[in-house]
Amino acid sequence: MKRIASAALAAMLMTLGSAHAQTMPPMTMSAVYGELGYTFMKVDAFGTSFRPGALRGILGYDLNPFVAIEGMAGFGVNDNDKNLRVSGIPTNVTAKLDSMYGIWAKPKYMPNPQTELFARAGWGHTKVKVEGSRTGFVSRSEAQDDLSWGIGANYRFTPNGYVGIDWMRYSNQSNSHVDGLTLSAGWHW
């Protein structure tokens, strides 16, 4: 009896899978794509951590089904402030991402027509600015050029449109790190 139930369940799952595969439209898209996303940043610098937000755009080109190249640009849209002690004096300190840009190679793998798993590696530039509310506090900017890398996944809801999530390490200096988790939407032209 258990064998019959198992066989019936397996046949039903295969039927559902083949019916779903028949309803997917063919993948007809160009090699050029773009995406826009919101990045939840984490900046470890100046002896503490800040969490500003950024808007990030990517323009990419599929060299083949397994590799793409991408250009990225972004800027801060949400500042993060915290109360710190600077030279023993309580001070409200605000951090913001001024800008970021970079270029990456993007190896990718598609386990099915809707899902894309990928990695990114390349070069990135970030510029972070920190300001204090106390009179006499010297605001500081730190710009970094560094190797950047990350991982992510995209889900296609149409042959050309997709949504995605990725984590990136934009900068990895010995005294500071800039990371980001991005939720994005994209389109292949």
N, C-alpha and C. Protein backbone atom coordinates (compact mmCIF):
# COMPACT_ATOMS: atom_id res chain seq x y z
N MET A 1 0.82 -1.19 0.00
CA MET A 1 0.00 0.00 0.00
C MET A 1 0.87 1.26 0.00
N LYS A 2 1.97 1.24 0.80
CA LYS A 2 2.85 2.41 0.85
C LYS A 2 3.52 2.64 -0.50
N ARG A 3 3.87 1.55 -1.20
CA ARG A 3 4.49 1.69 -2.51
C ARG A 3 3.53 2.34 -3.51
N ILE A 4 2.28 1.96 -3.48
CA ILE A 4 1.29 2.52 -4.39
C ILE A 4 1.10 4.01 -4.10
N ALA A 5 1.00 4.36 -2.81
CA ALA A 5 0.83 5.77 -2.44
C ALA A 5 2.05 6.58 -2.85
N SER A 6 3.25 6.04 -2.65
CA SER A 6 4.47 6.75 -3.04
C SER A 6 4.53 6.93 -4.55
N ALA A 7 4.18 5.89 -5.29
CA ALA A 7 4.20 5.97 -6.75
C ALA A 7 3.16 6.99 -7.25
N ALA A 8 1.99 7.01 -6.64
CA ALA A 8 0.95 7.96 -7.04
C ALA A 8 1.40 9.40 -6.74
N LEU A 9 2.02 9.61 -5.59
CA LEU A 9 2.52 10.94 -5.24
C LEU A 9 3.61 11.38 -6.21
N ALA A 10 4.53 10.48 -6.55
CA ALA A 10 5.59 10.82 -7.50
C ALA A 10 5.01 11.15 -8.88
N ALA A 11 4.04 10.39 -9.34
CA ALA A 11 3.42 10.65 -10.64
C ALA A 11 2.70 12.00 -10.64
N MET A 12 2.02 12.32 -9.54
CA MET A 12 1.31 13.59 -9.44
C MET A 12 2.30 14.76 -9.47
N LEU A 13 3.43 14.65 -8.74
CA LEU A 13 4.43 15.72 -8.73
C LEU A 13 5.06 15.92 -10.10
N MET A 14 5.33 14.82 -10.81
CA MET A 14 5.91 14.94 -12.15
C MET A 14 4.91 15.59 -13.10
N THR A 15 3.64 15.27 -12.97
CA THR A 15 2.61 15.87 -13.81
C THR A 15 2.50 17.36 -13.55
N LEU A 16 2.52 17.76 -12.28
CA LEU A 16 2.47 19.18 -11.94
C LEU A 16 3.70 19.91 -12.47
N GLY A 17 4.86 19.31 -12.33
CA GLY A 17 6.09 19.93 -12.82
C GLY A 17 6.08 20.12 -14.32
N SER A 18 5.61 19.12 -15.07
CA SER A 18 5.58 19.24 -16.52
C SER A 18 4.51 20.24 -16.96
N ALA A 19 3.41 20.33 -16.23
CA ALA A 19 2.38 21.31 -16.57
C ALA A 19 2.91 22.72 -16.34
N HIS A 20 3.63 22.91 -15.27
CA HIS A 20 4.21 24.23 -14.99
C HIS A 20 5.24 24.60 -16.05
N ALA A 21 6.06 23.67 -16.46
CA ALA A 21 7.08 23.94 -17.47
C ALA A 21 6.44 24.33 -18.80
N GLN A 22 5.27 23.75 -19.13
CA GLN A 22 4.61 24.07 -20.38
C GLN A 22 4.00 25.46 -20.37
N THR A 23 3.68 26.01 -19.18
CA THR A 23 3.06 27.32 -19.12
C THR A 23 4.07 28.46 -19.14
N MET A 24 5.35 28.19 -18.93
CA MET A 24 6.35 29.25 -18.95
C MET A 24 6.59 29.71 -20.38
N PRO A 25 6.57 31.02 -20.62
CA PRO A 25 6.85 31.51 -21.97
C PRO A 25 8.33 31.31 -22.30
N PRO A 26 8.64 31.26 -23.58
CA PRO A 26 10.05 31.08 -23.95
C PRO A 26 10.88 32.28 -23.49
N MET A 27 12.14 32.03 -23.18
CA MET A 27 13.04 33.08 -22.71
C MET A 27 13.59 33.84 -23.92
N THR A 28 12.98 34.97 -24.24
CA THR A 28 13.46 35.81 -25.33
C THR A 28 13.81 37.17 -24.76
N MET A 29 15.08 37.40 -24.56
CA MET A 29 15.51 38.67 -24.00
C MET A 29 16.83 39.07 -24.63
N SER A 30 17.12 40.36 -24.52
CA SER A 30 18.38 40.84 -25.07
C SER A 30 19.49 40.64 -24.04
N ALA A 31 20.69 40.94 -24.43
CA ALA A 31 21.84 40.77 -23.54
C ALA A 31 22.00 41.95 -22.59
N VAL A 32 21.33 43.08 -22.84
CA VAL A 32 21.45 44.28 -22.01
C VAL A 32 20.37 44.28 -20.95
N TYR A 33 20.76 44.61 -19.72
CA TYR A 33 19.78 44.69 -18.63
C TYR A 33 20.16 45.80 -17.67
N GLY A 34 19.18 46.22 -16.90
CA GLY A 34 19.40 47.22 -15.88
C GLY A 34 18.59 46.89 -14.66
N GLU A 35 19.05 47.34 -13.51
CA GLU A 35 18.29 47.12 -12.28
C GLU A 35 18.47 48.30 -11.34
N LEU A 36 17.48 48.49 -10.50
CA LEU A 36 17.49 49.55 -9.51
C LEU A 36 17.12 48.92 -8.18
N GLY A 37 17.85 49.28 -7.13
CA GLY A 37 17.58 48.66 -5.83
C GLY A 37 17.90 49.57 -4.66
N TYR A 38 17.35 49.19 -3.52
CA TYR A 38 17.63 49.87 -2.25
C TYR A 38 18.63 49.02 -1.49
N THR A 39 19.71 49.65 -0.99
CA THR A 39 20.77 48.95 -0.29
C THR A 39 20.78 49.33 1.17
N PHE A 40 20.69 48.33 2.03
CA PHE A 40 20.84 48.51 3.47
C PHE A 40 22.34 48.37 3.77
N MET A 41 23.01 49.51 3.94
CA MET A 41 24.46 49.54 4.10
C MET A 41 24.86 49.27 5.55
N LYS A 42 26.06 48.76 5.72
CA LYS A 42 26.71 48.68 7.03
C LYS A 42 28.13 49.19 6.83
N VAL A 43 28.43 50.31 7.48
CA VAL A 43 29.74 50.94 7.36
C VAL A 43 30.45 50.81 8.70
N ASP A 44 31.53 50.05 8.74
CA ASP A 44 32.38 49.94 9.92
C ASP A 44 33.57 50.86 9.68
N ALA A 45 33.53 52.04 10.31
CA ALA A 45 34.61 53.01 10.12
C ALA A 45 34.64 53.97 11.30
N PHE A 46 35.74 54.64 11.47
CA PHE A 46 35.90 55.65 12.50
C PHE A 46 35.65 55.07 13.90
N GLY A 47 35.90 53.79 14.07
CA GLY A 47 35.78 53.16 15.38
C GLY A 47 34.38 52.71 15.77
N THR A 48 33.42 52.76 14.87
CA THR A 48 32.05 52.34 15.18
C THR A 48 31.36 51.85 13.90
N SER A 49 30.10 51.46 14.01
CA SER A 49 29.32 51.00 12.86
C SER A 49 28.14 51.93 12.62
N PHE A 50 27.88 52.20 11.35
CA PHE A 50 26.72 53.00 10.95
C PHE A 50 25.93 52.20 9.92
N ARG A 51 24.64 52.53 9.77
CA ARG A 51 23.77 51.81 8.84
C ARG A 51 22.96 52.79 7.98
N PRO A 52 23.64 53.49 7.05
CA PRO A 52 22.89 54.36 6.14
C PRO A 52 22.23 53.54 5.03
N GLY A 53 21.33 54.17 4.29
CA GLY A 53 20.68 53.52 3.16
C GLY A 53 21.13 54.15 1.86
N ALA A 54 21.07 53.39 0.77
CA ALA A 54 21.54 53.88 -0.53
C ALA A 54 20.62 53.40 -1.64
N LEU A 55 20.60 54.15 -2.72
CA LEU A 55 19.93 53.76 -3.94
C LEU A 55 21.02 53.33 -4.92
N ARG A 56 20.89 52.13 -5.50
CA ARG A 56 21.93 51.58 -6.36
C ARG A 56 21.35 51.19 -7.71
N GLY A 57 22.05 51.56 -8.77
CA GLY A 57 21.67 51.18 -10.11
C GLY A 57 22.76 50.37 -10.78
N ILE A 58 22.36 49.40 -11.59
CA ILE A 58 23.31 48.54 -12.30
C ILE A 58 22.90 48.48 -13.77
N LEU A 59 23.88 48.58 -14.65
CA LEU A 59 23.69 48.35 -16.07
C LEU A 59 24.61 47.19 -16.44
N GLY A 60 24.03 46.14 -17.03
CA GLY A 60 24.81 44.94 -17.31
C GLY A 60 24.67 44.46 -18.74
N TYR A 61 25.60 43.58 -19.12
CA TYR A 61 25.60 42.97 -20.44
C TYR A 61 25.99 41.51 -20.30
N ASP A 62 25.11 40.61 -20.79
CA ASP A 62 25.39 39.17 -20.76
C ASP A 62 26.36 38.82 -21.90
N LEU A 63 27.57 38.43 -21.54
CA LEU A 63 28.54 37.98 -22.54
C LEU A 63 28.13 36.65 -23.12
N ASN A 64 27.57 35.78 -22.27
CA ASN A 64 27.04 34.48 -22.65
C ASN A 64 26.08 34.07 -21.52
N PRO A 65 25.46 32.90 -21.59
CA PRO A 65 24.52 32.52 -20.53
C PRO A 65 25.14 32.33 -19.14
N PHE A 66 26.47 32.31 -19.06
CA PHE A 66 27.11 32.02 -17.78
C PHE A 66 27.90 33.18 -17.18
N VAL A 67 28.14 34.25 -17.94
CA VAL A 67 28.94 35.37 -17.45
C VAL A 67 28.39 36.69 -17.99
N ALA A 68 28.35 37.70 -17.12
CA ALA A 68 27.96 39.05 -17.51
C ALA A 68 28.99 40.03 -16.96
N ILE A 69 29.00 41.23 -17.51
CA ILE A 69 29.78 42.32 -16.92
C ILE A 69 28.78 43.39 -16.50
N GLU A 70 29.09 44.09 -15.39
CA GLU A 70 28.16 45.07 -14.84
C GLU A 70 28.90 46.34 -14.41
N GLY A 71 28.23 47.46 -14.60
CA GLY A 71 28.68 48.73 -14.04
C GLY A 71 27.66 49.16 -13.00
N MET A 72 28.13 49.72 -11.88
CA MET A 72 27.26 50.09 -10.78
C MET A 72 27.52 51.52 -10.36
N ALA A 73 26.46 52.23 -9.98
CA ALA A 73 26.56 53.56 -9.38
C ALA A 73 25.49 53.67 -8.30
N GLY A 74 25.81 54.37 -7.22
CA GLY A 74 24.85 54.54 -6.14
C GLY A 74 25.15 55.78 -5.33
N PHE A 75 24.16 56.18 -4.54
CA PHE A 75 24.32 57.32 -3.65
C PHE A 75 23.44 57.12 -2.43
N GLY A 76 23.81 57.80 -1.35
CA GLY A 76 23.07 57.67 -0.10
C GLY A 76 21.73 58.38 -0.14
N VAL A 77 20.71 57.75 0.44
CA VAL A 77 19.38 58.36 0.53
C VAL A 77 18.91 58.46 1.98
N ASN A 78 19.48 57.68 2.88
CA ASN A 78 19.15 57.74 4.31
C ASN A 78 20.44 57.82 5.11
N ASP A 79 20.53 58.83 5.96
CA ASP A 79 21.68 58.96 6.86
C ASP A 79 21.42 58.13 8.10
N ASN A 80 22.48 57.87 8.85
CA ASN A 80 22.36 57.16 10.13
C ASN A 80 23.10 57.97 11.18
N ASP A 81 22.44 58.24 12.30
CA ASP A 81 23.11 58.99 13.35
C ASP A 81 23.07 58.22 14.65
N LYS A 82 24.05 58.51 15.49
CA LYS A 82 24.12 57.88 16.81
C LYS A 82 24.84 58.82 17.75
N ASN A 83 24.57 58.64 19.02
CA ASN A 83 25.24 59.43 20.05
C ASN A 83 26.51 58.71 20.48
N LEU A 84 27.64 59.41 20.33
CA LEU A 84 28.95 58.85 20.67
C LEU A 84 29.67 59.81 21.60
N ARG A 85 30.72 59.32 22.22
CA ARG A 85 31.60 60.18 23.01
C ARG A 85 32.84 60.47 22.16
N VAL A 86 33.02 61.74 21.86
CA VAL A 86 34.17 62.18 21.08
C VAL A 86 35.04 63.00 22.02
N SER A 87 36.24 62.51 22.28
CA SER A 87 37.16 63.14 23.25
C SER A 87 36.49 63.31 24.60
N GLY A 88 35.66 62.33 24.98
CA GLY A 88 34.98 62.35 26.27
C GLY A 88 33.73 63.20 26.32
N ILE A 89 33.35 63.84 25.22
CA ILE A 89 32.18 64.71 25.19
C ILE A 89 31.08 64.04 24.36
N PRO A 90 29.84 63.94 24.92
CA PRO A 90 28.74 63.35 24.14
C PRO A 90 28.45 64.18 22.89
N THR A 91 28.39 63.50 21.74
CA THR A 91 28.18 64.17 20.45
C THR A 91 27.29 63.30 19.58
N ASN A 92 26.35 63.94 18.90
CA ASN A 92 25.54 63.23 17.92
C ASN A 92 26.32 63.21 16.62
N VAL A 93 26.59 62.01 16.09
CA VAL A 93 27.40 61.84 14.88
C VAL A 93 26.51 61.24 13.79
N THR A 94 26.55 61.84 12.61
CA THR A 94 25.76 61.38 11.47
C THR A 94 26.71 60.85 10.38
N ALA A 95 26.36 59.69 9.84
CA ALA A 95 27.15 59.10 8.74
C ALA A 95 26.25 58.96 7.52
N LYS A 96 26.83 59.23 6.37
CA LYS A 96 26.08 59.04 5.13
C LYS A 96 27.02 58.55 4.04
N LEU A 97 26.46 57.82 3.12
CA LEU A 97 27.20 57.38 1.94
C LEU A 97 27.07 58.48 0.90
N ASP A 98 28.18 59.11 0.54
CA ASP A 98 28.15 60.14 -0.51
C ASP A 98 27.93 59.50 -1.88
N SER A 99 28.77 58.51 -2.20
CA SER A 99 28.67 57.88 -3.51
C SER A 99 29.37 56.54 -3.50
N MET A 100 29.02 55.73 -4.49
CA MET A 100 29.72 54.46 -4.73
C MET A 100 29.57 54.14 -6.21
N TYR A 101 30.59 53.52 -6.77
CA TYR A 101 30.52 53.05 -8.14
C TYR A 101 31.53 51.92 -8.31
N GLY A 102 31.33 51.13 -9.36
CA GLY A 102 32.24 50.00 -9.57
C GLY A 102 31.95 49.27 -10.86
N ILE A 103 32.76 48.27 -11.12
CA ILE A 103 32.60 47.40 -12.28
C ILE A 103 32.89 45.97 -11.83
N TRP A 104 32.04 45.02 -12.28
CA TRP A 104 32.15 43.64 -11.82
C TRP A 104 32.03 42.65 -12.98
N ALA A 105 32.63 41.49 -12.77
CA ALA A 105 32.33 40.30 -13.56
C ALA A 105 31.29 39.53 -12.76
N LYS A 106 30.32 38.94 -13.45
CA LYS A 106 29.20 38.26 -12.78
C LYS A 106 29.03 36.85 -13.34
N PRO A 107 29.71 35.85 -12.75
CA PRO A 107 29.40 34.47 -13.14
C PRO A 107 28.04 34.08 -12.57
N LYS A 108 27.29 33.28 -13.35
CA LYS A 108 25.93 32.94 -12.91
C LYS A 108 25.55 31.52 -13.32
N TYR A 109 24.54 31.04 -12.62
CA TYR A 109 24.03 29.68 -12.85
C TYR A 109 22.52 29.73 -12.74
N MET A 110 21.82 29.09 -13.70
CA MET A 110 20.36 29.05 -13.68
C MET A 110 19.89 27.62 -13.50
N PRO A 111 19.50 27.24 -12.26
CA PRO A 111 19.02 25.87 -12.04
C PRO A 111 17.68 25.60 -12.72
N ASN A 112 16.91 26.67 -13.03
CA ASN A 112 15.67 26.56 -13.78
C ASN A 112 15.46 27.89 -14.51
N PRO A 113 14.49 27.99 -15.43
CA PRO A 113 14.34 29.22 -16.22
C PRO A 113 13.98 30.47 -15.40
N GLN A 114 13.45 30.31 -14.20
CA GLN A 114 13.05 31.46 -13.40
C GLN A 114 14.13 31.93 -12.42
N THR A 115 15.04 31.07 -12.02
CA THR A 115 15.98 31.38 -10.94
C THR A 115 17.40 31.53 -11.46
N GLU A 116 18.05 32.60 -11.01
CA GLU A 116 19.45 32.84 -11.36
C GLU A 116 20.24 33.03 -10.08
N LEU A 117 21.26 32.23 -9.88
CA LEU A 117 22.18 32.37 -8.75
C LEU A 117 23.47 32.96 -9.30
N PHE A 118 24.09 33.90 -8.58
CA PHE A 118 25.26 34.55 -9.14
C PHE A 118 26.25 34.98 -8.06
N ALA A 119 27.43 35.28 -8.54
CA ALA A 119 28.49 35.88 -7.71
C ALA A 119 28.96 37.12 -8.46
N ARG A 120 29.59 38.02 -7.74
CA ARG A 120 30.17 39.21 -8.37
C ARG A 120 31.58 39.40 -7.83
N ALA A 121 32.48 39.85 -8.69
CA ALA A 121 33.83 40.20 -8.26
C ALA A 121 34.35 41.29 -9.18
N GLY A 122 35.01 42.27 -8.58
CA GLY A 122 35.54 43.36 -9.38
C GLY A 122 36.10 44.45 -8.50
N TRP A 123 35.98 45.68 -8.98
CA TRP A 123 36.54 46.84 -8.31
C TRP A 123 35.40 47.76 -7.91
N GLY A 124 35.53 48.38 -6.72
CA GLY A 124 34.52 49.32 -6.26
C GLY A 124 35.14 50.53 -5.58
N HIS A 125 34.43 51.64 -5.63
CA HIS A 125 34.82 52.89 -4.96
C HIS A 125 33.67 53.31 -4.05
N THR A 126 33.97 53.63 -2.81
CA THR A 126 32.96 54.14 -1.87
C THR A 126 33.49 55.40 -1.21
N LYS A 127 32.57 56.33 -0.92
CA LYS A 127 32.94 57.54 -0.20
C LYS A 127 31.90 57.76 0.90
N VAL A 128 32.37 57.74 2.15
CA VAL A 128 31.52 57.90 3.33
C VAL A 128 31.89 59.20 4.02
N LYS A 129 30.88 59.94 4.50
CA LYS A 129 31.12 61.20 5.21
C LYS A 129 30.51 61.11 6.60
N VAL A 130 31.26 61.58 7.60
CA VAL A 130 30.82 61.59 8.99
C VAL A 130 30.88 63.02 9.51
N GLU A 131 29.75 63.46 10.12
CA GLU A 131 29.67 64.81 10.68
C GLU A 131 29.16 64.75 12.11
N GLY A 132 29.63 65.65 12.95
CA GLY A 132 29.18 65.72 14.33
C GLY A 132 28.42 67.00 14.60
N SER A 133 27.51 66.96 15.59
CA SER A 133 26.69 68.12 15.93
C SER A 133 27.41 69.09 16.87
N ARG A 134 28.46 68.65 17.52
CA ARG A 134 29.16 69.48 18.50
C ARG A 134 30.03 70.51 17.77
N THR A 135 30.02 71.72 18.27
CA THR A 135 30.87 72.77 17.71
C THR A 135 32.33 72.36 17.86
N GLY A 136 33.07 72.52 16.79
CA GLY A 136 34.48 72.16 16.81
C GLY A 136 34.74 70.73 16.34
N PHE A 137 33.68 69.93 16.12
CA PHE A 137 33.85 68.57 15.61
C PHE A 137 34.27 68.66 14.15
N VAL A 138 35.33 68.01 13.81
CA VAL A 138 35.83 68.03 12.44
C VAL A 138 35.13 66.92 11.66
N SER A 139 34.37 67.29 10.62
CA SER A 139 33.73 66.26 9.80
C SER A 139 34.81 65.60 8.95
N ARG A 140 34.61 64.32 8.70
CA ARG A 140 35.60 63.54 7.96
C ARG A 140 34.93 62.82 6.81
N SER A 141 35.66 62.71 5.72
CA SER A 141 35.25 61.89 4.58
C SER A 141 36.32 60.84 4.36
N GLU A 142 35.88 59.68 3.96
CA GLU A 142 36.82 58.62 3.65
C GLU A 142 36.40 57.98 2.33
N ALA A 143 37.29 58.05 1.35
CA ALA A 143 37.05 57.43 0.05
C ALA A 143 37.96 56.22 -0.08
N GLN A 144 37.40 55.12 -0.59
CA GLN A 144 38.18 53.89 -0.71
C GLN A 144 37.98 53.26 -2.08
N ASP A 145 39.06 52.79 -2.66
CA ASP A 145 39.04 51.99 -3.87
C ASP A 145 39.53 50.61 -3.46
N ASP A 146 38.74 49.58 -3.79
CA ASP A 146 39.10 48.27 -3.30
C ASP A 146 38.44 47.17 -4.14
N LEU A 147 38.93 45.96 -3.95
CA LEU A 147 38.29 44.78 -4.50
C LEU A 147 36.91 44.66 -3.86
N SER A 148 35.90 44.39 -4.67
CA SER A 148 34.56 44.17 -4.11
C SER A 148 34.03 42.84 -4.64
N TRP A 149 33.19 42.19 -3.85
CA TRP A 149 32.66 40.89 -4.22
C TRP A 149 31.33 40.67 -3.52
N GLY A 150 30.58 39.66 -3.98
CA GLY A 150 29.31 39.35 -3.36
C GLY A 150 28.62 38.17 -4.02
N ILE A 151 27.44 37.85 -3.47
CA ILE A 151 26.61 36.76 -3.98
C ILE A 151 25.16 37.22 -4.00
N GLY A 152 24.33 36.54 -4.80
CA GLY A 152 22.93 36.91 -4.84
C GLY A 152 22.10 35.95 -5.67
N ALA A 153 20.82 36.30 -5.80
CA ALA A 153 19.86 35.50 -6.56
C ALA A 153 18.82 36.41 -7.18
N ASN A 154 18.39 36.07 -8.39
CA ASN A 154 17.31 36.78 -9.07
C ASN A 154 16.20 35.78 -9.37
N TYR A 155 14.95 36.29 -9.35
CA TYR A 155 13.80 35.47 -9.73
C TYR A 155 13.05 36.18 -10.85
N ARG A 156 12.89 35.50 -11.98
CA ARG A 156 12.19 36.08 -13.14
C ARG A 156 10.69 35.84 -12.98
N PHE A 157 9.93 36.93 -13.01
CA PHE A 157 8.47 36.81 -12.97
C PHE A 157 7.87 36.97 -14.36
N THR A 158 8.64 37.45 -15.32
CA THR A 158 8.30 37.45 -16.75
C THR A 158 9.60 37.10 -17.48
N PRO A 159 9.54 36.86 -18.78
CA PRO A 159 10.80 36.57 -19.48
C PRO A 159 11.82 37.71 -19.36
N ASN A 160 11.37 38.96 -19.21
CA ASN A 160 12.30 40.08 -19.16
C ASN A 160 12.43 40.70 -17.77
N GLY A 161 11.43 40.61 -16.92
CA GLY A 161 11.44 41.25 -15.61
C GLY A 161 11.86 40.31 -14.50
N TYR A 162 12.56 40.86 -13.52
CA TYR A 162 13.00 40.04 -12.39
C TYR A 162 13.14 40.88 -11.13
N VAL A 163 13.15 40.20 -10.00
CA VAL A 163 13.46 40.81 -8.71
C VAL A 163 14.66 40.06 -8.14
N GLY A 164 15.41 40.72 -7.28
CA GLY A 164 16.61 40.06 -6.77
C GLY A 164 17.00 40.52 -5.38
N ILE A 165 17.90 39.76 -4.81
CA ILE A 165 18.51 40.08 -3.52
C ILE A 165 19.99 39.72 -3.63
N ASP A 166 20.84 40.59 -3.07
CA ASP A 166 22.26 40.27 -3.08
C ASP A 166 22.95 40.91 -1.88
N TRP A 167 24.07 40.33 -1.51
CA TRP A 167 24.95 40.88 -0.47
C TRP A 167 26.28 41.18 -1.13
N MET A 168 26.81 42.39 -0.86
CA MET A 168 28.08 42.80 -1.45
C MET A 168 29.01 43.33 -0.37
N ARG A 169 30.28 43.06 -0.51
CA ARG A 169 31.34 43.72 0.26
C ARG A 169 31.94 44.73 -0.71
N TYR A 170 31.58 46.00 -0.53
CA TYR A 170 32.03 47.05 -1.44
C TYR A 170 33.46 47.49 -1.16
N SER A 171 33.88 47.41 0.11
CA SER A 171 35.24 47.81 0.46
C SER A 171 35.69 47.02 1.67
N ASN A 172 36.97 46.66 1.70
CA ASN A 172 37.49 45.82 2.78
C ASN A 172 38.88 46.31 3.18
N GLN A 173 38.96 47.53 3.66
CA GLN A 173 40.23 48.08 4.13
C GLN A 173 40.53 47.55 5.53
N SER A 174 41.75 47.69 5.99
CA SER A 174 42.13 47.18 7.31
C SER A 174 41.43 47.95 8.43
N ASN A 175 41.12 49.23 8.22
CA ASN A 175 40.47 50.01 9.27
C ASN A 175 38.98 50.24 9.05
N SER A 176 38.42 49.77 7.93
CA SER A 176 37.00 49.97 7.68
C SER A 176 36.48 48.95 6.65
N HIS A 177 35.17 48.74 6.71
CA HIS A 177 34.47 47.84 5.79
C HIS A 177 33.17 48.51 5.37
N VAL A 178 32.76 48.29 4.13
CA VAL A 178 31.46 48.77 3.65
C VAL A 178 30.76 47.57 3.01
N ASP A 179 29.65 47.14 3.63
CA ASP A 179 28.85 46.02 3.14
C ASP A 179 27.46 46.52 2.78
N GLY A 180 26.71 45.73 2.02
CA GLY A 180 25.34 46.10 1.72
C GLY A 180 24.49 44.92 1.31
N LEU A 181 23.24 44.92 1.78
CA LEU A 181 22.22 43.96 1.35
C LEU A 181 21.23 44.73 0.50
N THR A 182 21.04 44.31 -0.75
CA THR A 182 20.22 45.06 -1.69
C THR A 182 19.02 44.25 -2.15
N LEU A 183 17.86 44.89 -2.15
CA LEU A 183 16.64 44.37 -2.76
C LEU A 183 16.45 45.16 -4.05
N SER A 184 16.28 44.47 -5.18
CA SER A 184 16.26 45.16 -6.46
C SER A 184 15.20 44.61 -7.39
N ALA A 185 14.92 45.39 -8.45
CA ALA A 185 14.07 44.95 -9.55
C ALA A 185 14.81 45.30 -10.84
N GLY A 186 14.73 44.41 -11.83
CA GLY A 186 15.48 44.62 -13.06
C GLY A 186 14.69 44.26 -14.30
N TRP A 187 15.26 44.63 -15.45
CA TRP A 187 14.61 44.39 -16.73
C TRP A 187 15.66 44.14 -17.80
N HIS A 188 15.43 43.11 -18.62
CA HIS A 188 16.23 42.83 -19.81
C HIS A 188 15.54 43.50 -20.99
N TRP A 189 16.30 44.27 -21.79
CA TRP A 189 15.70 44.93 -22.96
C TRP A 189 15.78 44.05 -24.16
